[in-house]
Amino acid sequence: MLLALFLQSDLSQEQIQKLVIAMMALIPMFMVIAIAIVIIPAWFICKKAGFSPWLSLLCLIPSLGTLVLLYILAFADWKVAPIVPQAYVPQPPYPPQPPYPPQA
């Protein structure tokens, strides 16, 4: 329906009002979707980095908030330690040998 309104060359006042109302309904939905696309990954990144996930709400400030969050994540010391993999040492199926007696 919106495409049909755009293709007409002479729009009446009523058609323009319908177009404006439709856009007023669609734009907030697109904004909520766009905010969710940015904030949800930022929430998980902050949580995995050891920061408060509420820090991801900085992304609500257009451009500057996301830039500040990126600088915080890039230059701060992350509070998580890497997991050191344990070396695999196979256990023998037989009991270990007793120590040798002292030689005199």
C-alpha atoms as a PDB file:
ATOM      1  CA  MET A   1       0.000   0.000   0.000  1.00  0.00           C
ATOM      2  CA  LEU A   2       2.865   2.381   0.798  1.00  0.00           C
ATOM      3  CA  LEU A   3       4.463   1.679  -2.562  1.00  0.00           C
ATOM      4  CA  ALA A   4       1.223   2.568  -4.337  1.00  0.00           C
ATOM      5  CA  LEU A   5       1.125   5.872  -2.479  1.00  0.00           C
ATOM      6  CA  PHE A   6       4.716   6.652  -3.434  1.00  0.00           C
ATOM      7  CA  LEU A   7       4.134   5.894  -7.089  1.00  0.00           C
ATOM      8  CA  GLN A   8       1.264   8.354  -7.430  1.00  0.00           C
ATOM      9  CA  SER A   9       2.280  11.773  -8.639  1.00  0.00           C
ATOM     10  CA  ASP A  10      -0.617  13.701  -7.138  1.00  0.00           C
ATOM     11  CA  LEU A  11      -1.134  12.882  -3.468  1.00  0.00           C
ATOM     12  CA  SER A  12      -4.148  14.225  -1.687  1.00  0.00           C
ATOM     13  CA  GLN A  13      -4.101  15.548   1.863  1.00  0.00           C
ATOM     14  CA  GLU A  14      -5.779  12.347   3.111  1.00  0.00           C
ATOM     15  CA  GLN A  15      -3.216  10.116   1.417  1.00  0.00           C
ATOM     16  CA  ILE A  16      -0.359  12.120   2.886  1.00  0.00           C
ATOM     17  CA  GLN A  17      -1.884  11.779   6.351  1.00  0.00           C
ATOM     18  CA  LYS A  18      -2.190   7.988   5.908  1.00  0.00           C
ATOM     19  CA  LEU A  19       1.416   7.853   4.778  1.00  0.00           C
ATOM     20  CA  VAL A  20       2.604   9.842   7.797  1.00  0.00           C
ATOM     21  CA  ILE A  21       0.599   7.660  10.195  1.00  0.00           C
ATOM     22  CA  ALA A  22       2.027   4.495   8.632  1.00  0.00           C
ATOM     23  CA  MET A  23       5.561   5.839   8.939  1.00  0.00           C
ATOM     24  CA  MET A  24       4.928   6.883  12.556  1.00  0.00           C
ATOM     25  CA  ALA A  25       4.034   3.272  13.294  1.00  0.00           C
ATOM     26  CA  LEU A  26       6.932   1.696  11.394  1.00  0.00           C
ATOM     27  CA  ILE A  27       9.844   3.914  12.408  1.00  0.00           C
ATOM     28  CA  PRO A  28       9.642   3.154  16.178  1.00  0.00           C
ATOM     29  CA  MET A  29       9.472  -0.585  15.434  1.00  0.00           C
ATOM     30  CA  PHE A  30      12.598  -0.343  13.279  1.00  0.00           C
ATOM     31  CA  MET A  31      14.341   1.670  15.992  1.00  0.00           C
ATOM     32  CA  VAL A  32      13.559  -0.938  18.665  1.00  0.00           C
ATOM     33  CA  ILE A  33      14.841  -3.716  16.393  1.00  0.00           C
ATOM     34  CA  ALA A  34      18.030  -1.768  15.618  1.00  0.00           C
ATOM     35  CA  ILE A  35      18.654  -1.063  19.312  1.00  0.00           C
ATOM     36  CA  ALA A  36      18.177  -4.741  20.178  1.00  0.00           C
ATOM     37  CA  ILE A  37      20.607  -5.774  17.416  1.00  0.00           C
ATOM     38  CA  VAL A  38      23.322  -3.610  19.005  1.00  0.00           C
ATOM     39  CA  ILE A  39      22.612  -3.923  22.745  1.00  0.00           C
ATOM     40  CA  ILE A  40      22.163  -7.705  23.023  1.00  0.00           C
ATOM     41  CA  PRO A  41      25.646  -8.585  21.679  1.00  0.00           C
ATOM     42  CA  ALA A  42      27.189  -5.740  23.696  1.00  0.00           C
ATOM     43  CA  TRP A  43      25.482  -7.139  26.821  1.00  0.00           C
ATOM     44  CA  PHE A  44      27.054 -10.582  26.295  1.00  0.00           C
ATOM     45  CA  ILE A  45      30.472  -9.131  25.435  1.00  0.00           C
ATOM     46  CA  CYS A  46      30.503  -7.036  28.618  1.00  0.00           C
ATOM     47  CA  LYS A  47      29.428 -10.038  30.683  1.00  0.00           C
ATOM     48  CA  LYS A  48      32.127 -12.307  29.196  1.00  0.00           C
ATOM     49  CA  ALA A  49      34.772  -9.599  29.660  1.00  0.00           C
ATOM     50  CA  GLY A  50      34.003  -9.377  33.366  1.00  0.00           C
ATOM     51  CA  PHE A  51      32.337  -5.954  33.219  1.00  0.00           C
ATOM     52  CA  SER A  52      28.826  -5.078  34.309  1.00  0.00           C
ATOM     53  CA  PRO A  53      26.426  -5.941  31.471  1.00  0.00           C
ATOM     54  CA  TRP A  54      24.585  -2.693  32.202  1.00  0.00           C
ATOM     55  CA  LEU A  55      27.532  -0.953  30.563  1.00  0.00           C
ATOM     56  CA  SER A  56      26.040  -2.018  27.225  1.00  0.00           C
ATOM     57  CA  LEU A  57      23.287   0.557  27.724  1.00  0.00           C
ATOM     58  CA  LEU A  58      25.850   3.156  26.656  1.00  0.00           C
ATOM     59  CA  CYS A  59      24.894   2.094  23.139  1.00  0.00           C
ATOM     60  CA  LEU A  60      21.604   3.951  23.587  1.00  0.00           C
ATOM     61  CA  ILE A  61      23.526   7.198  23.111  1.00  0.00           C
ATOM     62  CA  PRO A  62      23.827   7.433  19.316  1.00  0.00           C
ATOM     63  CA  SER A  63      27.381   6.967  17.987  1.00  0.00           C
ATOM     64  CA  LEU A  64      29.188   8.392  21.018  1.00  0.00           C
ATOM     65  CA  GLY A  65      27.935   5.733  23.443  1.00  0.00           C
ATOM     66  CA  THR A  66      29.039   2.852  21.238  1.00  0.00           C
ATOM     67  CA  LEU A  67      32.405   4.516  20.706  1.00  0.00           C
ATOM     68  CA  VAL A  68      32.894   4.972  24.470  1.00  0.00           C
ATOM     69  CA  LEU A  69      31.958   1.315  25.072  1.00  0.00           C
ATOM     70  CA  LEU A  70      34.458   0.163  22.444  1.00  0.00           C
ATOM     71  CA  TYR A  71      37.223   2.226  24.058  1.00  0.00           C
ATOM     72  CA  ILE A  72      36.383   0.846  27.498  1.00  0.00           C
ATOM     73  CA  LEU A  73      36.485  -2.730  26.192  1.00  0.00           C
ATOM     74  CA  ALA A  74      39.622  -2.188  24.139  1.00  0.00           C
ATOM     75  CA  PHE A  75      41.844  -0.514  26.719  1.00  0.00           C
ATOM     76  CA  ALA A  76      40.632  -1.833  30.086  1.00  0.00           C
ATOM     77  CA  ASP A  77      42.047  -4.891  31.806  1.00  0.00           C
ATOM     78  CA  TRP A  78      39.562  -7.689  31.423  1.00  0.00           C
ATOM     79  CA  LYS A  79      38.701  -9.367  34.706  1.00  0.00           C
ATOM     80  CA  VAL A  80      38.716 -12.883  33.311  1.00  0.00           C
ATOM     81  CA  ALA A  81      41.695 -15.224  33.304  1.00  0.00           C
ATOM     82  CA  PRO A  82      42.303 -17.545  30.387  1.00  0.00           C
ATOM     83  CA  ILE A  83      41.760 -21.203  31.123  1.00  0.00           C
ATOM     84  CA  VAL A  84      45.042 -23.101  31.081  1.00  0.00           C
ATOM     85  CA  PRO A  85      44.517 -26.478  29.458  1.00  0.00           C
ATOM     86  CA  GLN A  86      45.595 -29.380  31.637  1.00  0.00           C
ATOM     87  CA  ALA A  87      48.113 -31.762  30.126  1.00  0.00           C
ATOM     88  CA  TYR A  88      46.737 -35.226  29.588  1.00  0.00           C
ATOM     89  CA  VAL A  89      48.755 -37.819  31.467  1.00  0.00           C
ATOM     90  CA  PRO A  90      47.499 -41.338  30.875  1.00  0.00           C
ATOM     91  CA  GLN A  91      47.241 -43.459  33.982  1.00  0.00           C
ATOM     92  CA  PRO A  92      49.019 -46.815  33.698  1.00  0.00           C
ATOM     93  CA  PRO A  93      46.882 -49.899  34.198  1.00  0.00           C
ATOM     94  CA  TYR A  94      49.411 -51.320  36.684  1.00  0.00           C
ATOM     95  CA  PRO A  95      50.463 -49.913  40.089  1.00  0.00           C
ATOM     96  CA  PRO A  96      53.632 -47.804  40.175  1.00  0.00           C
ATOM     97  CA  GLN A  97      56.936 -49.429  41.147  1.00  0.00           C
ATOM     98  CA  PRO A  98      58.027 -49.006  44.772  1.00  0.00           C
ATOM     99  CA  PRO A  99      61.150 -46.896  45.314  1.00  0.00           C
ATOM    100  CA  TYR A 100      64.494 -48.654  45.333  1.00  0.00           C
ATOM    101  CA  PRO A 101      66.072 -49.253  48.729  1.00  0.00           C
ATOM    102  CA  PRO A 102      69.087 -47.100  49.579  1.00  0.00           C
ATOM    103  CA  GLN A 103      72.412 -48.565  48.484  1.00  0.00           C
ATOM    104  CA  ALA A 104      75.173 -48.724  51.091  1.00  0.00           C
END
